[in-house]
């Protein structure tokens, strides 16, 4: 379970070799997905909506509202690493890899 303050975001990231799903339990979120080397449009994730994803999924999730939000996440297998990404002149590039020991 994650709580989201207004304006809080994840930045573009993956979940290592894990697949998963999320649902919004309170409030609403927005999500952008890296489409190849570019960022796609921001789309709403409403309360009760479920998003499932595979290991190569690279989202940026944000609470773009003025209210707090809560989401529930499940992963399989449990994540052991997370790669964070940025976008430069050549498109998407890995910035850093975090391991579970840093969480």
Foldseek 3Di string as FASTA:
>chain_A
DDKAAAFDKDAWKFQAQKWKKKAWQFAKKWKWWADPQAIHDIDIHGHPRMDTGGRVTIMMMHRNDNHMTDMDMDIPPHGFKMWHWDQDPVGIDTDDMDGPVVD
